């Protein structure tokens, strides 16, 4: 192998940090760039579909488990149990839906905008959650333990289901 010419300029690094742009050292052609862009867009579309599926299944699982809590409150609970379970189910949706929606909306934003969307949504749902819980506490017609059961099941189950689904599907990281 011949020794490199010390007077020759070094090759320019490409986006990957390599010393050569392509496998042959030439810049990628327009067709190669189009193929790369198409592959990236298909992967992003698959990721969006996976996220949407995981979110819908998670919400459905949370509602199904909360329906079981409502039935248990109806059959096993005393006075105010059914109403408490229904209030807890509603509060679980207040906790779950904004989080999932803000994550979907925020992922199309820049990092600062996403942080603002997620933080603003979290603050709004906490104000609603605390306000409703303080109001419900003053009512004697609602069983607070059943409110807590339904809220806990309806808020935790969707997060667990979505995490498991996303871990199993392992969406591909696409940096744009």
N, C-alpha and C. Protein backbone atom coordinates (compact mmCIF):
# COMPACT_ATOMS: atom_id res chain seq x y z
N UNK A 1 0.84 -1.17 0.00
CA UNK A 1 0.00 0.00 0.00
C UNK A 1 0.89 1.23 0.00
N UNK A 2 0.62 2.20 -0.93
CA UNK A 2 1.47 3.39 -1.01
C UNK A 2 1.23 4.31 0.19
N UNK A 3 2.25 5.04 0.55
CA UNK A 3 2.14 5.99 1.67
C UNK A 3 1.33 7.19 1.22
N UNK A 4 0.51 7.79 2.12
CA UNK A 4 -0.29 8.95 1.74
C UNK A 4 0.62 10.15 1.48
N UNK A 5 0.16 10.99 0.56
CA UNK A 5 0.90 12.20 0.20
C UNK A 5 0.72 13.23 1.32
N UNK A 6 1.79 13.66 1.98
CA UNK A 6 1.64 14.61 3.08
C UNK A 6 1.15 15.98 2.62
N UNK A 7 1.31 16.32 1.35
CA UNK A 7 0.85 17.62 0.85
C UNK A 7 -0.63 17.61 0.51
N UNK A 8 -1.24 16.42 0.37
CA UNK A 8 -2.67 16.34 -0.01
C UNK A 8 -3.53 16.67 1.20
N UNK A 9 -4.64 17.42 0.99
CA UNK A 9 -5.53 17.75 2.11
C UNK A 9 -6.27 16.48 2.57
N UNK A 10 -6.58 16.38 3.87
CA UNK A 10 -7.30 15.19 4.35
C UNK A 10 -8.73 15.22 3.84
N UNK A 11 -9.32 14.03 3.68
CA UNK A 11 -10.71 14.00 3.22
C UNK A 11 -11.63 14.63 4.28
N UNK A 12 -12.69 15.28 3.81
CA UNK A 12 -13.64 15.95 4.72
C UNK A 12 -14.52 14.91 5.40
N UNK A 13 -14.78 15.08 6.70
CA UNK A 13 -15.67 14.13 7.38
C UNK A 13 -17.10 14.35 6.93
N UNK A 14 -17.87 13.25 6.89
CA UNK A 14 -19.29 13.38 6.55
C UNK A 14 -20.09 13.49 7.84
N UNK A 15 -21.41 13.38 7.74
CA UNK A 15 -22.30 13.57 8.89
C UNK A 15 -22.08 12.51 9.96
N UNK A 16 -21.56 11.35 9.57
CA UNK A 16 -21.34 10.29 10.56
C UNK A 16 -20.01 10.45 11.27
N UNK A 17 -19.19 11.38 10.83
CA UNK A 17 -17.89 11.55 11.43
C UNK A 17 -16.83 10.71 10.75
N UNK A 18 -17.20 9.96 9.70
CA UNK A 18 -16.24 9.16 8.96
C UNK A 18 -15.36 10.09 8.15
N UNK A 19 -14.28 9.54 7.67
CA UNK A 19 -13.40 10.32 6.81
C UNK A 19 -13.83 10.22 5.36
N UNK A 20 -14.78 9.37 5.06
CA UNK A 20 -15.28 9.26 3.69
C UNK A 20 -16.79 9.39 3.72
N UNK A 21 -17.35 9.99 2.70
CA UNK A 21 -18.79 10.26 2.68
C UNK A 21 -19.59 9.01 2.37
N UNK A 22 -19.22 8.25 1.41
CA UNK A 22 -19.94 7.04 1.04
C UNK A 22 -19.00 5.87 1.09
N UNK A 23 -19.49 4.71 0.65
CA UNK A 23 -18.61 3.55 0.68
C UNK A 23 -17.47 3.71 -0.31
N UNK A 24 -17.70 4.47 -1.36
CA UNK A 24 -16.65 4.68 -2.35
C UNK A 24 -15.90 5.98 -2.12
N UNK A 25 -16.30 6.75 -1.11
CA UNK A 25 -15.63 8.01 -0.84
C UNK A 25 -16.33 9.19 -1.51
N UNK A 26 -17.33 8.93 -2.34
CA UNK A 26 -18.04 10.01 -3.03
C UNK A 26 -19.27 10.41 -2.22
N UNK A 27 -19.77 11.59 -2.50
CA UNK A 27 -21.01 12.04 -1.86
C UNK A 27 -22.16 11.15 -2.32
N UNK A 28 -23.17 10.93 -1.44
CA UNK A 28 -24.32 10.12 -1.84
C UNK A 28 -25.07 10.79 -2.99
N UNK A 29 -25.60 9.98 -3.85
CA UNK A 29 -26.36 10.50 -4.98
C UNK A 29 -27.74 10.93 -4.52
N UNK A 30 -28.44 11.64 -5.39
CA UNK A 30 -29.81 12.08 -5.07
C UNK A 30 -30.72 10.87 -4.85
N UNK A 31 -30.51 9.82 -5.62
CA UNK A 31 -31.33 8.61 -5.46
C UNK A 31 -31.07 7.96 -4.11
N UNK A 32 -29.80 7.93 -3.68
CA UNK A 32 -29.47 7.37 -2.37
C UNK A 32 -30.08 8.20 -1.24
N UNK A 33 -30.00 9.50 -1.37
CA UNK A 33 -30.59 10.39 -0.35
C UNK A 33 -32.10 10.22 -0.29
N UNK A 34 -32.74 10.09 -1.45
CA UNK A 34 -34.19 9.87 -1.49
C UNK A 34 -34.55 8.54 -0.83
N UNK A 35 -33.77 7.51 -1.09
CA UNK A 35 -34.02 6.20 -0.48
C UNK A 35 -33.87 6.27 1.03
N UNK A 36 -32.84 6.98 1.50
CA UNK A 36 -32.64 7.13 2.94
C UNK A 36 -33.80 7.89 3.57
N UNK A 37 -34.22 8.97 2.92
CA UNK A 37 -35.33 9.78 3.43
C UNK A 37 -36.63 8.97 3.46
N UNK A 38 -36.87 8.18 2.40
CA UNK A 38 -38.08 7.34 2.35
C UNK A 38 -38.07 6.29 3.46
N UNK A 39 -36.92 5.66 3.69
CA UNK A 39 -36.79 4.68 4.76
C UNK A 39 -37.07 5.33 6.12
N UNK A 40 -36.54 6.52 6.31
CA UNK A 40 -36.74 7.23 7.57
C UNK A 40 -38.20 7.61 7.77
N UNK A 41 -38.86 8.04 6.70
CA UNK A 41 -40.27 8.41 6.80
C UNK A 41 -41.15 7.18 7.05
N UNK A 42 -40.82 6.05 6.44
CA UNK A 42 -41.57 4.81 6.70
C UNK A 42 -41.39 4.37 8.14
N UNK A 43 -40.17 4.47 8.65
CA UNK A 43 -39.91 4.09 10.05
C UNK A 43 -40.67 5.03 11.00
N UNK A 44 -40.70 6.32 10.68
CA UNK A 44 -41.44 7.27 11.53
C UNK A 44 -42.93 6.96 11.49
N UNK A 45 -43.46 6.60 10.33
CA UNK A 45 -44.89 6.25 10.22
C UNK A 45 -45.19 4.98 11.03
N UNK A 46 -44.28 3.99 10.98
CA UNK A 46 -44.46 2.78 11.78
C UNK A 46 -44.43 3.11 13.27
N UNK A 47 -43.51 3.99 13.66
CA UNK A 47 -43.43 4.41 15.07
C UNK A 47 -44.72 5.10 15.51
N UNK A 48 -45.25 5.99 14.66
CA UNK A 48 -46.50 6.68 14.99
C UNK A 48 -47.65 5.68 15.13
N UNK A 49 -47.71 4.70 14.23
CA UNK A 49 -48.76 3.69 14.30
C UNK A 49 -48.61 2.85 15.57
N UNK A 50 -47.39 2.51 15.92
CA UNK A 50 -47.14 1.74 17.14
C UNK A 50 -47.55 2.54 18.37
N UNK A 51 -47.20 3.82 18.40
CA UNK A 51 -47.57 4.68 19.53
C UNK A 51 -49.08 4.80 19.64
N UNK A 52 -49.75 5.03 18.52
CA UNK A 52 -51.20 5.17 18.52
C UNK A 52 -51.85 3.89 19.02
N UNK A 53 -51.40 2.76 18.53
CA UNK A 53 -51.95 1.48 18.96
C UNK A 53 -51.73 1.27 20.46
N UNK A 54 -50.54 1.57 20.95
CA UNK A 54 -50.24 1.40 22.37
C UNK A 54 -51.11 2.31 23.23
N UNK A 55 -51.30 3.54 22.79
CA UNK A 55 -52.13 4.49 23.55
C UNK A 55 -53.58 4.02 23.60
N UNK A 56 -54.12 3.60 22.46
CA UNK A 56 -55.52 3.16 22.42
C UNK A 56 -55.73 1.90 23.26
N UNK A 57 -54.81 0.96 23.17
CA UNK A 57 -54.92 -0.26 23.98
C UNK A 57 -54.80 0.08 25.46
N UNK A 58 -53.89 0.99 25.80
CA UNK A 58 -53.71 1.38 27.20
C UNK A 58 -54.97 2.03 27.76
N UNK A 59 -55.56 2.93 27.00
CA UNK A 59 -56.80 3.58 27.46
C UNK A 59 -57.91 2.55 27.59
N UNK A 60 -58.03 1.65 26.63
CA UNK A 60 -59.04 0.60 26.70
C UNK A 60 -58.84 -0.31 27.90
N UNK A 61 -57.59 -0.67 28.19
CA UNK A 61 -57.30 -1.53 29.36
C UNK A 61 -57.66 -0.80 30.65
N UNK A 62 -57.32 0.49 30.72
CA UNK A 62 -57.66 1.26 31.91
C UNK A 62 -59.16 1.35 32.13
N UNK A 63 -59.89 1.59 31.04
CA UNK A 63 -61.35 1.66 31.16
C UNK A 63 -61.96 0.30 31.52
N UNK A 64 -61.43 -0.76 30.95
CA UNK A 64 -61.95 -2.10 31.26
C UNK A 64 -61.71 -2.45 32.72
N UNK A 65 -60.52 -2.16 33.23
CA UNK A 65 -60.24 -2.44 34.63
C UNK A 65 -61.07 -1.55 35.55
N UNK A 66 -61.27 -0.30 35.15
CA UNK A 66 -62.13 0.58 35.94
C UNK A 66 -63.58 0.11 35.91
N UNK A 67 -64.00 -0.48 34.81
CA UNK A 67 -65.36 -1.03 34.75
C UNK A 67 -65.51 -2.16 35.78
N UNK A 68 -64.45 -2.95 35.96
CA UNK A 68 -64.48 -3.99 36.98
C UNK A 68 -64.57 -3.39 38.38
N UNK A 69 -63.88 -2.29 38.60
CA UNK A 69 -63.97 -1.62 39.90
C UNK A 69 -65.38 -1.08 40.12
N UNK A 70 -65.99 -0.53 39.09
CA UNK A 70 -67.36 -0.03 39.20
C UNK A 70 -68.33 -1.17 39.53
N UNK A 71 -68.17 -2.31 38.86
CA UNK A 71 -69.02 -3.46 39.14
C UNK A 71 -68.80 -3.95 40.57
N UNK A 72 -67.53 -4.00 41.00
CA UNK A 72 -67.24 -4.41 42.38
C UNK A 72 -67.86 -3.44 43.38
N UNK A 73 -67.82 -2.16 43.08
CA UNK A 73 -68.43 -1.16 43.96
C UNK A 73 -69.93 -1.36 44.04
N UNK A 74 -70.52 -1.69 42.89
CA UNK A 74 -71.97 -1.92 42.85
C UNK A 74 -72.36 -3.15 43.66
N UNK A 75 -71.57 -4.21 43.54
CA UNK A 75 -71.91 -5.47 44.21
C UNK A 75 -71.45 -5.53 45.66
N UNK A 76 -70.28 -4.98 45.95
CA UNK A 76 -69.68 -5.15 47.27
C UNK A 76 -69.74 -3.89 48.15
N UNK A 77 -69.85 -2.76 47.51
CA UNK A 77 -69.77 -1.50 48.25
C UNK A 77 -71.06 -1.15 48.95
N UNK A 78 -70.92 -0.27 49.87
CA UNK A 78 -72.07 0.22 50.61
C UNK A 78 -72.61 1.47 49.94
N UNK A 79 -73.21 2.32 50.75
CA UNK A 79 -73.75 3.56 50.22
C UNK A 79 -72.65 4.46 49.67
N UNK A 80 -72.87 4.97 48.50
CA UNK A 80 -71.93 5.89 47.87
C UNK A 80 -70.78 5.22 47.15
N UNK A 81 -70.69 3.90 47.18
CA UNK A 81 -69.57 3.20 46.55
C UNK A 81 -69.62 3.34 45.03
N UNK A 82 -70.80 3.15 44.46
CA UNK A 82 -70.92 3.25 43.00
C UNK A 82 -70.57 4.65 42.52
N UNK A 83 -71.11 5.65 43.19
CA UNK A 83 -70.80 7.04 42.81
C UNK A 83 -69.31 7.34 43.00
N UNK A 84 -68.73 6.82 44.07
CA UNK A 84 -67.30 7.01 44.30
C UNK A 84 -66.46 6.37 43.21
N UNK A 85 -66.83 5.17 42.78
CA UNK A 85 -66.08 4.49 41.72
C UNK A 85 -66.22 5.23 40.39
N UNK A 86 -67.40 5.77 40.13
CA UNK A 86 -67.60 6.54 38.89
C UNK A 86 -66.78 7.83 38.90
N UNK A 87 -66.75 8.51 40.04
CA UNK A 87 -65.93 9.73 40.16
C UNK A 87 -64.45 9.37 39.98
N UNK A 88 -64.01 8.27 40.59
CA UNK A 88 -62.63 7.83 40.44
C UNK A 88 -62.28 7.48 39.00
N UNK A 89 -63.22 6.88 38.29
CA UNK A 89 -63.00 6.57 36.88
C UNK A 89 -62.85 7.85 36.06
N UNK A 90 -63.69 8.81 36.33
CA UNK A 90 -63.58 10.10 35.64
C UNK A 90 -62.26 10.78 35.93
N UNK A 91 -61.84 10.74 37.19
CA UNK A 91 -60.55 11.35 37.54
C UNK A 91 -59.38 10.60 36.91
N UNK A 92 -59.51 9.29 36.77
CA UNK A 92 -58.46 8.51 36.10
C UNK A 92 -58.31 8.97 34.65
N UNK A 93 -59.43 9.25 34.01
CA UNK A 93 -59.35 9.78 32.63
C UNK A 93 -58.73 11.16 32.61
N UNK A 94 -59.00 11.97 33.63
CA UNK A 94 -58.39 13.31 33.72
C UNK A 94 -56.88 13.19 33.87
N UNK A 95 -56.42 12.15 34.55
CA UNK A 95 -54.99 11.95 34.74
C UNK A 95 -54.35 11.33 33.49
N UNK A 96 -55.02 10.37 32.87
CA UNK A 96 -54.42 9.60 31.79
C UNK A 96 -54.48 10.30 30.43
N UNK A 97 -55.65 10.72 30.03
CA UNK A 97 -55.80 11.25 28.66
C UNK A 97 -54.91 12.46 28.36
N UNK A 98 -54.86 13.48 29.22
CA UNK A 98 -53.98 14.61 28.89
C UNK A 98 -52.51 14.22 28.77
N UNK A 99 -52.06 13.27 29.58
CA UNK A 99 -50.67 12.83 29.49
C UNK A 99 -50.39 12.19 28.15
N UNK A 100 -51.26 11.30 27.73
CA UNK A 100 -51.05 10.62 26.45
C UNK A 100 -51.17 11.58 25.28
N UNK A 101 -52.13 12.48 25.35
CA UNK A 101 -52.33 13.44 24.26
C UNK A 101 -51.17 14.43 24.19
N UNK A 102 -50.72 14.92 25.35
CA UNK A 102 -49.61 15.88 25.33
C UNK A 102 -48.33 15.23 24.84
N UNK A 103 -48.13 13.96 25.13
CA UNK A 103 -46.95 13.27 24.61
C UNK A 103 -47.01 13.16 23.09
N UNK A 104 -48.20 12.88 22.56
CA UNK A 104 -48.34 12.78 21.09
C UNK A 104 -48.16 14.15 20.43
N UNK A 105 -48.73 15.18 21.02
CA UNK A 105 -48.60 16.52 20.45
C UNK A 105 -47.18 17.03 20.62
N UNK A 106 -46.62 16.80 21.79
CA UNK A 106 -45.29 17.32 22.10
C UNK A 106 -44.18 16.69 21.29
N UNK A 107 -44.35 15.43 20.87
CA UNK A 107 -43.27 14.78 20.16
C UNK A 107 -43.05 15.39 18.77
N UNK A 108 -43.99 16.15 18.29
CA UNK A 108 -43.83 16.83 17.00
C UNK A 108 -43.24 18.24 17.17
N UNK A 109 -42.98 18.64 18.40
CA UNK A 109 -42.44 19.96 18.72
C UNK A 109 -40.95 19.84 19.01
N UNK A 110 -40.34 20.98 19.20
CA UNK A 110 -38.96 21.00 19.65
C UNK A 110 -38.92 20.64 21.13
N UNK A 111 -37.73 20.43 21.67
CA UNK A 111 -37.61 20.02 23.07
C UNK A 111 -38.22 21.02 24.06
N UNK A 112 -37.99 22.31 23.87
CA UNK A 112 -38.53 23.31 24.80
C UNK A 112 -40.05 23.37 24.71
N UNK A 113 -40.58 23.32 23.50
CA UNK A 113 -42.04 23.35 23.33
C UNK A 113 -42.67 22.10 23.92
N UNK A 114 -42.02 20.95 23.73
CA UNK A 114 -42.56 19.71 24.30
C UNK A 114 -42.57 19.79 25.81
N UNK A 115 -41.49 20.29 26.40
CA UNK A 115 -41.44 20.42 27.86
C UNK A 115 -42.55 21.35 28.34
N UNK A 116 -42.80 22.43 27.61
CA UNK A 116 -43.88 23.36 27.98
C UNK A 116 -45.25 22.71 27.89
N UNK A 117 -45.48 21.95 26.84
CA UNK A 117 -46.77 21.27 26.67
C UNK A 117 -46.99 20.25 27.78
N UNK A 118 -45.97 19.43 28.04
CA UNK A 118 -46.10 18.39 29.06
C UNK A 118 -46.25 19.02 30.45
N UNK A 119 -45.46 20.04 30.76
CA UNK A 119 -45.55 20.69 32.06
C UNK A 119 -46.89 21.41 32.24
N UNK A 120 -47.34 22.12 31.21
CA UNK A 120 -48.62 22.81 31.29
C UNK A 120 -49.78 21.84 31.47
N UNK A 121 -49.74 20.73 30.75
CA UNK A 121 -50.79 19.72 30.86
C UNK A 121 -50.78 19.09 32.24
N UNK A 122 -49.59 18.80 32.74
CA UNK A 122 -49.48 18.21 34.07
C UNK A 122 -50.04 19.16 35.12
N UNK A 123 -49.69 20.43 35.03
CA UNK A 123 -50.16 21.42 36.00
C UNK A 123 -51.69 21.53 35.96
N UNK A 124 -52.25 21.59 34.76
CA UNK A 124 -53.71 21.71 34.62
C UNK A 124 -54.42 20.49 35.20
N UNK A 125 -53.92 19.30 34.91
CA UNK A 125 -54.62 18.11 35.42
C UNK A 125 -54.46 17.98 36.92
N UNK A 126 -53.34 18.41 37.48
CA UNK A 126 -53.18 18.36 38.94
C UNK A 126 -54.14 19.34 39.63
N UNK A 127 -54.33 20.52 39.05
CA UNK A 127 -55.28 21.49 39.61
C UNK A 127 -56.69 20.90 39.59
N UNK A 128 -57.08 20.29 38.48
CA UNK A 128 -58.41 19.67 38.37
C UNK A 128 -58.53 18.51 39.36
N UNK A 129 -57.53 17.64 39.40
CA UNK A 129 -57.56 16.48 40.27
C UNK A 129 -57.68 16.88 41.75
N UNK A 130 -56.83 17.79 42.19
CA UNK A 130 -56.86 18.21 43.59
C UNK A 130 -58.16 18.93 43.91
N UNK A 131 -58.61 19.79 43.00
CA UNK A 131 -59.87 20.50 43.21
C UNK A 131 -61.05 19.56 43.35
N UNK A 132 -61.14 18.59 42.47
CA UNK A 132 -62.26 17.64 42.53
C UNK A 132 -62.16 16.78 43.79
N UNK A 133 -60.96 16.33 44.14
CA UNK A 133 -60.82 15.52 45.35
C UNK A 133 -61.18 16.31 46.61
N UNK A 134 -60.80 17.57 46.67
CA UNK A 134 -61.18 18.40 47.82
C UNK A 134 -62.70 18.60 47.88
N UNK A 135 -63.31 18.79 46.72
CA UNK A 135 -64.77 18.97 46.66
C UNK A 135 -65.50 17.68 47.05
N UNK A 136 -65.02 16.55 46.52
CA UNK A 136 -65.66 15.26 46.80
C UNK A 136 -65.55 14.92 48.29
N UNK A 137 -64.46 15.33 48.90
CA UNK A 137 -64.26 15.05 50.32
C UNK A 137 -65.34 15.68 51.19
N UNK A 138 -65.89 16.79 50.74
CA UNK A 138 -66.92 17.47 51.53
C UNK A 138 -68.29 16.83 51.38
N UNK A 139 -68.45 15.98 50.36
CA UNK A 139 -69.73 15.34 50.12
C UNK A 139 -69.82 14.04 50.92
N UNK A 140 -70.91 13.83 51.57
CA UNK A 140 -71.08 12.60 52.33
C UNK A 140 -71.64 11.47 51.50
N UNK A 141 -72.12 11.78 50.30
CA UNK A 141 -72.78 10.77 49.48
C UNK A 141 -71.83 9.97 48.60
N UNK A 142 -70.54 10.26 48.67
CA UNK A 142 -69.55 9.57 47.84
C UNK A 142 -68.56 8.85 48.74
N UNK A 143 -68.37 7.56 48.50
CA UNK A 143 -67.41 6.76 49.28
C UNK A 143 -66.00 7.01 48.75
N UNK A 144 -65.19 7.68 49.54
CA UNK A 144 -63.83 8.03 49.11
C UNK A 144 -62.93 6.83 48.84
N UNK A 145 -63.02 5.74 49.60
CA UNK A 145 -62.15 4.60 49.26
C UNK A 145 -62.39 4.09 47.84
N UNK A 146 -63.64 4.03 47.40
CA UNK A 146 -63.93 3.55 46.05
C UNK A 146 -63.46 4.55 45.00
N UNK A 147 -63.48 5.83 45.34
CA UNK A 147 -62.92 6.83 44.44
C UNK A 147 -61.42 6.57 44.27
N UNK A 148 -60.75 6.29 45.37
CA UNK A 148 -59.32 6.01 45.32
C UNK A 148 -58.98 4.74 44.56
N UNK A 149 -59.78 3.68 44.78
CA UNK A 149 -59.53 2.43 44.05
C UNK A 149 -59.64 2.65 42.54
N UNK A 150 -60.71 3.28 42.13
CA UNK A 150 -60.93 3.49 40.69
C UNK A 150 -59.86 4.43 40.11
N UNK A 151 -59.50 5.45 40.85
CA UNK A 151 -58.46 6.38 40.38
C UNK A 151 -57.12 5.66 40.25
N UNK A 152 -56.77 4.88 41.23
CA UNK A 152 -55.50 4.16 41.19
C UNK A 152 -55.45 3.17 40.02
N UNK A 153 -56.48 2.34 39.91
CA UNK A 153 -56.51 1.34 38.83
C UNK A 153 -56.54 2.02 37.46
N UNK A 154 -57.38 3.04 37.33
CA UNK A 154 -57.54 3.69 36.03
C UNK A 154 -56.37 4.55 35.62
N UNK A 155 -55.54 4.97 36.55
CA UNK A 155 -54.38 5.80 36.19
C UNK A 155 -53.10 4.97 36.03
N UNK A 156 -52.96 3.93 36.81
CA UNK A 156 -51.73 3.13 36.76
C UNK A 156 -51.77 2.09 35.63
N UNK A 157 -52.91 1.45 35.46
CA UNK A 157 -53.01 0.39 34.44
C UNK A 157 -52.65 0.87 33.03
N UNK A 158 -53.17 2.02 32.57
CA UNK A 158 -52.77 2.44 31.22
C UNK A 158 -51.27 2.71 31.07
N UNK A 159 -50.66 3.26 32.10
CA UNK A 159 -49.22 3.52 32.03
C UNK A 159 -48.44 2.22 31.93
N UNK A 160 -48.83 1.22 32.71
CA UNK A 160 -48.14 -0.07 32.68
C UNK A 160 -48.36 -0.76 31.33
N UNK A 161 -49.60 -0.76 30.85
CA UNK A 161 -49.91 -1.42 29.57
C UNK A 161 -49.14 -0.75 28.43
N UNK A 162 -49.15 0.58 28.41
CA UNK A 162 -48.43 1.28 27.33
C UNK A 162 -46.94 1.00 27.40
N UNK A 163 -46.36 1.00 28.59
CA UNK A 163 -44.93 0.72 28.73
C UNK A 163 -44.59 -0.68 28.24
N UNK A 164 -45.40 -1.66 28.61
CA UNK A 164 -45.14 -3.04 28.18
C UNK A 164 -45.26 -3.15 26.66
N UNK A 165 -46.29 -2.54 26.09
CA UNK A 165 -46.45 -2.62 24.63
C UNK A 165 -45.29 -1.96 23.90
N UNK A 166 -44.85 -0.82 24.38
CA UNK A 166 -43.74 -0.14 23.71
C UNK A 166 -42.43 -0.88 23.89
N UNK A 167 -42.23 -1.51 25.04
CA UNK A 167 -41.02 -2.30 25.24
C UNK A 167 -41.01 -3.53 24.32
N UNK A 168 -42.17 -4.13 24.13
CA UNK A 168 -42.25 -5.31 23.25
C UNK A 168 -42.06 -4.93 21.78
N UNK A 169 -42.59 -3.78 21.38
CA UNK A 169 -42.52 -3.41 19.96
C UNK A 169 -41.19 -2.75 19.61
N UNK A 170 -40.51 -2.18 20.59
CA UNK A 170 -39.23 -1.50 20.41
C UNK A 170 -39.22 -0.60 19.17
N UNK A 171 -39.94 0.53 19.23
CA UNK A 171 -39.94 1.42 18.07
C UNK A 171 -38.52 1.93 17.78
N UNK A 172 -38.27 2.13 16.51
CA UNK A 172 -36.95 2.57 16.07
C UNK A 172 -36.79 4.04 16.34
N UNK A 173 -35.66 4.45 16.85
CA UNK A 173 -35.38 5.85 17.13
C UNK A 173 -35.13 6.58 15.81
N UNK A 174 -35.89 7.61 15.57
CA UNK A 174 -35.72 8.42 14.37
C UNK A 174 -35.43 9.85 14.79
N UNK A 175 -34.25 10.32 14.48
CA UNK A 175 -33.88 11.69 14.79
C UNK A 175 -34.05 12.51 13.53
N UNK A 176 -34.83 13.57 13.64
CA UNK A 176 -35.08 14.39 12.45
C UNK A 176 -34.43 15.72 12.60
